[in-house]
PDB file of N, CA and C in Angstrom:
ATOM      1  N   MET A   1     219.748  80.193   1.057  1.00  0.00           N
ATOM      2  CA  MET A   1     219.391  79.832   2.402  1.00  0.00           C
ATOM      3  C   MET A   1     218.047  79.093   2.368  1.00  0.00           C
ATOM      4  N   PRO A   2     217.959  77.939   3.038  1.00  0.00           N
ATOM      5  CA  PRO A   2     216.692  77.195   3.039  1.00  0.00           C
ATOM      6  C   PRO A   2     215.591  77.922   3.806  1.00  0.00           C
ATOM      7  N   ALA A   3     214.351  77.661   3.419  1.00  0.00           N
ATOM      8  CA  ALA A   3     213.195  78.237   4.120  1.00  0.00           C
ATOM      9  C   ALA A   3     212.673  77.217   5.128  1.00  0.00           C
ATOM     10  N   TYR A   4     212.267  77.703   6.277  1.00  0.00           N
ATOM     11  CA  TYR A   4     211.747  76.840   7.331  1.00  0.00           C
ATOM     12  C   TYR A   4     210.388  77.333   7.777  1.00  0.00           C
ATOM     13  N   ASN A   5     209.569  76.405   8.269  1.00  0.00           N
ATOM     14  CA  ASN A   5     208.275  76.745   8.850  1.00  0.00           C
ATOM     15  C   ASN A   5     208.370  76.609  10.359  1.00  0.00           C
ATOM     16  N   TYR A   6     207.719  77.499  11.067  1.00  0.00           N
ATOM     17  CA  TYR A   6     207.680  77.482  12.521  1.00  0.00           C
ATOM     18  C   TYR A   6     206.287  77.045  12.951  1.00  0.00           C
ATOM     19  N   THR A   7     206.216  76.062  13.836  1.00  0.00           N
ATOM     20  CA  THR A   7     204.937  75.549  14.318  1.00  0.00           C
ATOM     21  C   THR A   7     204.910  75.612  15.834  1.00  0.00           C
ATOM     22  N   THR A   8     203.862  76.194  16.378  1.00  0.00           N
ATOM     23  CA  THR A   8     203.669  76.206  17.820  1.00  0.00           C
ATOM     24  C   THR A   8     202.836  74.989  18.198  1.00  0.00           C
ATOM     25  N   ILE A   9     203.333  74.213  19.135  1.00  0.00           N
ATOM     26  CA  ILE A   9     202.603  73.046  19.633  1.00  0.00           C
ATOM     27  C   ILE A   9     202.186  73.365  21.052  1.00  0.00           C
ATOM     28  N   ASP A  10     200.898  73.408  21.281  1.00  0.00           N
ATOM     29  CA  ASP A  10     200.384  73.767  22.597  1.00  0.00           C
ATOM     30  C   ASP A  10     199.253  72.812  22.951  1.00  0.00           C
ATOM     31  N   SER A  11     199.395  72.142  24.067  1.00  0.00           N
ATOM     32  CA  SER A  11     198.359  71.239  24.545  1.00  0.00           C
ATOM     33  C   SER A  11     197.750  71.852  25.795  1.00  0.00           C
ATOM     34  N   SER A  12     196.482  72.052  25.780  1.00  0.00           N
ATOM     35  CA  SER A  12     195.781  72.675  26.900  1.00  0.00           C
ATOM     36  C   SER A  12     196.053  71.906  28.191  1.00  0.00           C
ATOM     37  N   GLY A  13     196.384  72.628  29.229  1.00  0.00           N
ATOM     38  CA  GLY A  13     196.600  72.006  30.533  1.00  0.00           C
ATOM     39  C   GLY A  13     198.021  71.522  30.780  1.00  0.00           C
ATOM     40  N   THR A  14     198.934  71.758  29.842  1.00  0.00           N
ATOM     41  CA  THR A  14     200.301  71.300  30.051  1.00  0.00           C
ATOM     42  C   THR A  14     201.104  72.308  30.871  1.00  0.00           C
ATOM     43  N   ARG A  15     202.079  71.782  31.591  1.00  0.00           N
ATOM     44  CA  ARG A  15     203.001  72.649  32.328  1.00  0.00           C
ATOM     45  C   ARG A  15     204.306  72.805  31.567  1.00  0.00           C
ATOM     46  N   TYR A  16     204.650  71.803  30.764  1.00  0.00           N
ATOM     47  CA  TYR A  16     205.876  71.818  29.976  1.00  0.00           C
ATOM     48  C   TYR A  16     205.673  70.885  28.799  1.00  0.00           C
ATOM     49  N   ILE A  17     206.138  71.266  27.625  1.00  0.00           N
ATOM     50  CA  ILE A  17     206.020  70.429  26.435  1.00  0.00           C
ATOM     51  C   ILE A  17     207.344  70.470  25.683  1.00  0.00           C
ATOM     52  N   GLU A  18     207.767  69.317  25.156  1.00  0.00           N
ATOM     53  CA  GLU A  18     209.046  69.240  24.460  1.00  0.00           C
ATOM     54  C   GLU A  18     208.925  68.368  23.222  1.00  0.00           C
ATOM     55  N   ALA A  19     209.288  68.904  22.065  1.00  0.00           N
ATOM     56  CA  ALA A  19     209.353  68.129  20.824  1.00  0.00           C
ATOM     57  C   ALA A  19     210.689  67.395  20.801  1.00  0.00           C
ATOM     58  N   ARG A  20     210.663  66.116  20.408  1.00  0.00           N
ATOM     59  CA  ARG A  20     211.884  65.309  20.436  1.00  0.00           C
ATOM     60  C   ARG A  20     212.275  64.732  19.080  1.00  0.00           C
ATOM     61  N   GLY A  21     211.341  64.655  18.135  1.00  0.00           N
ATOM     62  CA  GLY A  21     211.670  64.066  16.849  1.00  0.00           C
ATOM     63  C   GLY A  21     210.717  64.519  15.761  1.00  0.00           C
ATOM     64  N   ILE A  22     211.189  64.457  14.520  1.00  0.00           N
ATOM     65  CA  ILE A  22     210.379  64.832  13.362  1.00  0.00           C
ATOM     66  C   ILE A  22     210.792  63.939  12.190  1.00  0.00           C
ATOM     67  N   ASN A  23     209.828  63.553  11.359  1.00  0.00           N
ATOM     68  CA  ASN A  23     210.152  62.760  10.176  1.00  0.00           C
ATOM     69  C   ASN A  23     210.003  63.619   8.914  1.00  0.00           C
ATOM     70  N   ASN A  24     210.280  63.031   7.759  1.00  0.00           N
ATOM     71  CA  ASN A  24     210.234  63.776   6.500  1.00  0.00           C
ATOM     72  C   ASN A  24     208.834  64.225   6.108  1.00  0.00           C
ATOM     73  N   ALA A  25     207.789  63.623   6.695  1.00  0.00           N
ATOM     74  CA  ALA A  25     206.406  64.042   6.434  1.00  0.00           C
ATOM     75  C   ALA A  25     206.005  65.218   7.323  1.00  0.00           C
ATOM     76  N   GLY A  26     206.884  65.616   8.252  1.00  0.00           N
ATOM     77  CA  GLY A  26     206.588  66.725   9.152  1.00  0.00           C
ATOM     78  C   GLY A  26     205.848  66.314  10.405  1.00  0.00           C
ATOM     79  N   GLN A  27     205.714  65.004  10.674  1.00  0.00           N
ATOM     80  CA  GLN A  27     205.096  64.551  11.918  1.00  0.00           C
ATOM     81  C   GLN A  27     206.100  64.762  13.056  1.00  0.00           C
ATOM     82  N   ILE A  28     205.615  65.320  14.146  1.00  0.00           N
ATOM     83  CA  ILE A  28     206.463  65.660  15.281  1.00  0.00           C
ATOM     84  C   ILE A  28     206.027  64.839  16.488  1.00  0.00           C
ATOM     85  N   VAL A  29     206.988  64.288  17.222  1.00  0.00           N
ATOM     86  CA  VAL A  29     206.683  63.571  18.460  1.00  0.00           C
ATOM     87  C   VAL A  29     207.438  64.220  19.609  1.00  0.00           C
ATOM     88  N   GLY A  30     206.940  63.976  20.800  1.00  0.00           N
ATOM     89  CA  GLY A  30     207.585  64.502  21.993  1.00  0.00           C
ATOM     90  C   GLY A  30     206.820  64.091  23.232  1.00  0.00           C
ATOM     91  N   TRP A  31     206.945  64.903  24.261  1.00  0.00           N
ATOM     92  CA  TRP A  31     206.269  64.602  25.522  1.00  0.00           C
ATOM     93  C   TRP A  31     205.891  65.903  26.216  1.00  0.00           C
ATOM     94  N   TYR A  32     204.967  65.758  27.163  1.00  0.00           N
ATOM     95  CA  TYR A  32     204.565  66.901  27.982  1.00  0.00           C
ATOM     96  C   TYR A  32     204.223  66.411  29.369  1.00  0.00           C
ATOM     97  N   THR A  33     204.192  67.326  30.311  1.00  0.00           N
ATOM     98  CA  THR A  33     203.731  66.995  31.657  1.00  0.00           C
ATOM     99  C   THR A  33     202.561  67.896  32.017  1.00  0.00           C
ATOM    100  N   ASP A  34     201.618  67.319  32.710  1.00  0.00           N
ATOM    101  CA  ASP A  34     200.461  68.081  33.177  1.00  0.00           C
ATOM    102  C   ASP A  34     200.599  68.399  34.664  1.00  0.00           C
ATOM    103  N   GLY A  35     201.785  68.163  35.200  1.00  0.00           N
ATOM    104  CA  GLY A  35     202.039  68.399  36.621  1.00  0.00           C
ATOM    105  C   GLY A  35     201.889  67.138  37.440  1.00  0.00           C
ATOM    106  N   ASN A  36     201.239  66.118  36.896  1.00  0.00           N
ATOM    107  CA  ASN A  36     201.049  64.854  37.601  1.00  0.00           C
ATOM    108  C   ASN A  36     201.806  63.709  36.963  1.00  0.00           C
ATOM    109  N   ASP A  37     201.959  63.721  35.646  1.00  0.00           N
ATOM    110  CA  ASP A  37     202.571  62.614  34.927  1.00  0.00           C
ATOM    111  C   ASP A  37     203.120  63.102  33.596  1.00  0.00           C
ATOM    112  N   PHE A  38     203.882  62.248  32.925  1.00  0.00           N
ATOM    113  CA  PHE A  38     204.383  62.534  31.590  1.00  0.00           C
ATOM    114  C   PHE A  38     203.519  61.817  30.564  1.00  0.00           C
ATOM    115  N   HIS A  39     203.331  62.435  29.423  1.00  0.00           N
ATOM    116  CA  HIS A  39     202.519  61.876  28.340  1.00  0.00           C
ATOM    117  C   HIS A  39     203.238  62.142  27.027  1.00  0.00           C
ATOM    118  N   GLY A  40     203.199  61.184  26.124  1.00  0.00           N
ATOM    119  CA  GLY A  40     203.757  61.390  24.804  1.00  0.00           C
ATOM    120  C   GLY A  40     202.710  62.014  23.894  1.00  0.00           C
ATOM    121  N   PHE A  41     203.175  62.529  22.748  1.00  0.00           N
ATOM    122  CA  PHE A  41     202.248  63.054  21.753  1.00  0.00           C
ATOM    123  C   PHE A  41     202.836  62.911  20.363  1.00  0.00           C
ATOM    124  N   VAL A  42     201.958  62.927  19.378  1.00  0.00           N
ATOM    125  CA  VAL A  42     202.344  63.026  17.975  1.00  0.00           C
ATOM    126  C   VAL A  42     201.505  64.145  17.369  1.00  0.00           C
ATOM    127  N   TYR A  43     202.148  64.984  16.560  1.00  0.00           N
ATOM    128  CA  TYR A  43     201.480  66.105  15.915  1.00  0.00           C
ATOM    129  C   TYR A  43     201.799  66.054  14.429  1.00  0.00           C
ATOM    130  N   GLY A  44     200.764  66.087  13.610  1.00  0.00           N
ATOM    131  CA  GLY A  44     200.968  66.088  12.171  1.00  0.00           C
ATOM    132  C   GLY A  44     199.708  66.484  11.439  1.00  0.00           C
ATOM    133  N   SER A  45     199.864  67.211  10.357  1.00  0.00           N
ATOM    134  CA  SER A  45     198.741  67.675   9.525  1.00  0.00           C
ATOM    135  C   SER A  45     197.694  68.414  10.349  1.00  0.00           C
ATOM    136  N   GLY A  46     198.147  69.155  11.356  1.00  0.00           N
ATOM    137  CA  GLY A  46     197.230  69.938  12.175  1.00  0.00           C
ATOM    138  C   GLY A  46     196.516  69.156  13.259  1.00  0.00           C
ATOM    139  N   THR A  47     196.847  67.868  13.410  1.00  0.00           N
ATOM    140  CA  THR A  47     196.191  67.020  14.407  1.00  0.00           C
ATOM    141  C   THR A  47     197.166  66.668  15.525  1.00  0.00           C
ATOM    142  N   TYR A  48     196.735  66.858  16.763  1.00  0.00           N
ATOM    143  CA  TYR A  48     197.517  66.566  17.962  1.00  0.00           C
ATOM    144  C   TYR A  48     196.904  65.346  18.637  1.00  0.00           C
ATOM    145  N   THR A  49     197.725  64.305  18.894  1.00  0.00           N
ATOM    146  CA  THR A  49     197.233  63.077  19.506  1.00  0.00           C
ATOM    147  C   THR A  49     198.101  62.710  20.699  1.00  0.00           C
ATOM    148  N   ASN A  50     197.484  62.447  21.845  1.00  0.00           N
ATOM    149  CA  ASN A  50     198.203  61.986  23.039  1.00  0.00           C
ATOM    150  C   ASN A  50     198.624  60.537  22.856  1.00  0.00           C
ATOM    151  N   ILE A  51     199.756  60.191  23.446  1.00  0.00           N
ATOM    152  CA  ILE A  51     200.240  58.812  23.455  1.00  0.00           C
ATOM    153  C   ILE A  51     200.514  58.428  24.902  1.00  0.00           C
ATOM    154  N   ASP A  52     199.806  57.441  25.398  1.00  0.00           N
ATOM    155  CA  ASP A  52     200.064  56.887  26.720  1.00  0.00           C
ATOM    156  C   ASP A  52     200.170  55.374  26.563  1.00  0.00           C
ATOM    157  N   VAL A  53     201.353  54.824  26.810  1.00  0.00           N
ATOM    158  CA  VAL A  53     201.559  53.391  26.690  1.00  0.00           C
ATOM    159  C   VAL A  53     200.925  52.720  27.899  1.00  0.00           C
ATOM    160  N   THR A  54     200.008  51.821  27.661  1.00  0.00           N
ATOM    161  CA  THR A  54     199.236  51.162  28.715  1.00  0.00           C
ATOM    162  C   THR A  54     200.137  50.374  29.665  1.00  0.00           C
ATOM    163  N   ASN A  55     199.858  50.489  30.946  1.00  0.00           N
ATOM    164  CA  ASN A  55     200.510  49.723  32.013  1.00  0.00           C
ATOM    165  C   ASN A  55     202.012  49.995  32.149  1.00  0.00           C
ATOM    166  N   THR A  56     202.480  51.177  31.721  1.00  0.00           N
ATOM    167  CA  THR A  56     203.905  51.475  31.890  1.00  0.00           C
ATOM    168  C   THR A  56     204.148  52.672  32.780  1.00  0.00           C
ATOM    169  N   GLY A  57     203.105  53.394  33.131  1.00  0.00           N
ATOM    170  CA  GLY A  57     203.312  54.632  33.879  1.00  0.00           C
ATOM    171  C   GLY A  57     203.522  55.772  32.905  1.00  0.00           C
ATOM    172  N   PRO A  58     204.444  56.669  33.198  1.00  0.00           N
ATOM    173  CA  PRO A  58     204.666  57.828  32.340  1.00  0.00           C
ATOM    174  C   PRO A  58     205.130  57.410  30.953  1.00  0.00           C
ATOM    175  N   THR A  59     204.803  58.193  29.943  1.00  0.00           N
ATOM    176  CA  THR A  59     205.179  57.909  28.555  1.00  0.00           C
ATOM    177  C   THR A  59     205.874  59.117  27.946  1.00  0.00           C
ATOM    178  N   GLN A  60     206.962  58.871  27.223  1.00  0.00           N
ATOM    179  CA  GLN A  60     207.623  59.914  26.443  1.00  0.00           C
ATOM    180  C   GLN A  60     207.901  59.358  25.050  1.00  0.00           C
ATOM    181  N   ALA A  61     207.623  60.151  24.006  1.00  0.00           N
ATOM    182  CA  ALA A  61     207.947  59.769  22.629  1.00  0.00           C
ATOM    183  C   ALA A  61     209.265  60.437  22.262  1.00  0.00           C
ATOM    184  N   TYR A  62     210.182  59.664  21.699  1.00  0.00           N
ATOM    185  CA  TYR A  62     211.532  60.142  21.428  1.00  0.00           C
ATOM    186  C   TYR A  62     211.850  60.323  19.948  1.00  0.00           C
ATOM    187  N   GLY A  63     211.168  59.601  19.077  1.00  0.00           N
ATOM    188  CA  GLY A  63     211.480  59.685  17.655  1.00  0.00           C
ATOM    189  C   GLY A  63     210.380  59.074  16.815  1.00  0.00           C
ATOM    190  N   ILE A  64     210.388  59.406  15.523  1.00  0.00           N
ATOM    191  CA  ILE A  64     209.411  58.873  14.587  1.00  0.00           C
ATOM    192  C   ILE A  64     210.109  58.683  13.241  1.00  0.00           C
ATOM    193  N   ASN A  65     209.914  57.525  12.619  1.00  0.00           N
ATOM    194  CA  ASN A  65     210.539  57.314  11.319  1.00  0.00           C
ATOM    195  C   ASN A  65     209.568  57.684  10.195  1.00  0.00           C
ATOM    196  N   ASP A  66     210.018  57.545   8.959  1.00  0.00           N
ATOM    197  CA  ASP A  66     209.196  57.961   7.823  1.00  0.00           C
ATOM    198  C   ASP A  66     207.985  57.059   7.584  1.00  0.00           C
ATOM    199  N   ALA A  67     207.945  55.885   8.225  1.00  0.00           N
ATOM    200  CA  ALA A  67     206.775  55.007   8.154  1.00  0.00           C
ATOM    201  C   ALA A  67     205.762  55.350   9.245  1.00  0.00           C
ATOM    202  N   GLY A  68     206.082  56.325  10.093  1.00  0.00           N
ATOM    203  CA  GLY A  68     205.183  56.731  11.175  1.00  0.00           C
ATOM    204  C   GLY A  68     205.323  55.904  12.431  1.00  0.00           C
ATOM    205  N   GLN A  69     206.339  55.045  12.504  1.00  0.00           N
ATOM    206  CA  GLN A  69     206.561  54.257  13.710  1.00  0.00           C
ATOM    207  C   GLN A  69     207.257  55.115  14.755  1.00  0.00           C
ATOM    208  N   ILE A  70     206.720  55.077  15.968  1.00  0.00           N
ATOM    209  CA  ILE A  70     207.182  55.958  17.035  1.00  0.00           C
ATOM    210  C   ILE A  70     207.991  55.175  18.059  1.00  0.00           C
ATOM    211  N   VAL A  71     209.115  55.735  18.460  1.00  0.00           N
ATOM    212  CA  VAL A  71     209.915  55.187  19.552  1.00  0.00           C
ATOM    213  C   VAL A  71     209.447  55.885  20.811  1.00  0.00           C
ATOM    214  N   ALA A  72     208.920  55.115  21.754  1.00  0.00           N
ATOM    215  CA  ALA A  72     208.410  55.687  22.999  1.00  0.00           C
ATOM    216  C   ALA A  72     208.839  54.815  24.155  1.00  0.00           C
ATOM    217  N   GLY A  73     208.827  55.399  25.306  1.00  0.00           N
ATOM    218  CA  GLY A  73     209.163  54.670  26.511  1.00  0.00           C
ATOM    219  C   GLY A  73     208.789  55.497  27.713  1.00  0.00           C
ATOM    220  N   CYS A  74     209.238  55.064  28.845  1.00  0.00           N
ATOM    221  CA  CYS A  74     208.960  55.852  30.034  1.00  0.00           C
ATOM    222  C   CYS A  74     210.277  56.438  30.522  1.00  0.00           C
ATOM    223  N   PRO A  75     210.209  57.594  31.167  1.00  0.00           N
ATOM    224  CA  PRO A  75     211.433  58.162  31.712  1.00  0.00           C
ATOM    225  C   PRO A  75     212.025  57.231  32.755  1.00  0.00           C
ATOM    226  N   GLY A  76     213.237  57.441  33.171  1.00  0.00           N
ATOM    227  CA  GLY A  76     213.992  56.520  33.985  1.00  0.00           C
ATOM    228  C   GLY A  76     213.412  56.119  35.319  1.00  0.00           C
ATOM    229  N   PHE A  77     212.184  56.464  35.624  1.00  0.00           N
ATOM    230  CA  PHE A  77     211.646  56.115  36.940  1.00  0.00           C
ATOM    231  C   PHE A  77     210.347  55.320  36.869  1.00  0.00           C
ATOM    232  N   CYS A  78     210.096  54.609  35.779  1.00  0.00           N
ATOM    233  CA  CYS A  78     208.857  53.814  35.718  1.00  0.00           C
ATOM    234  C   CYS A  78     209.102  52.392  36.159  1.00  0.00           C
TER     235      CYS A  78
END
């Protein structure tokens, strides 16, 4: 049976957080809401970074490839 690691991702001030993708390096992307808007994030090597695409409104990150390129966009109402 394979062994797995469990990681808690918690961003201060969030109301909801969702992981959406992971690459072979263990970098995780997803989105969260602070009650006012949606924001994307990337988490890897113990570092949490917000992602907000300029001039698009809300941002959600959906996937990340092994080169670290992130697929992001806005939810269906931007």
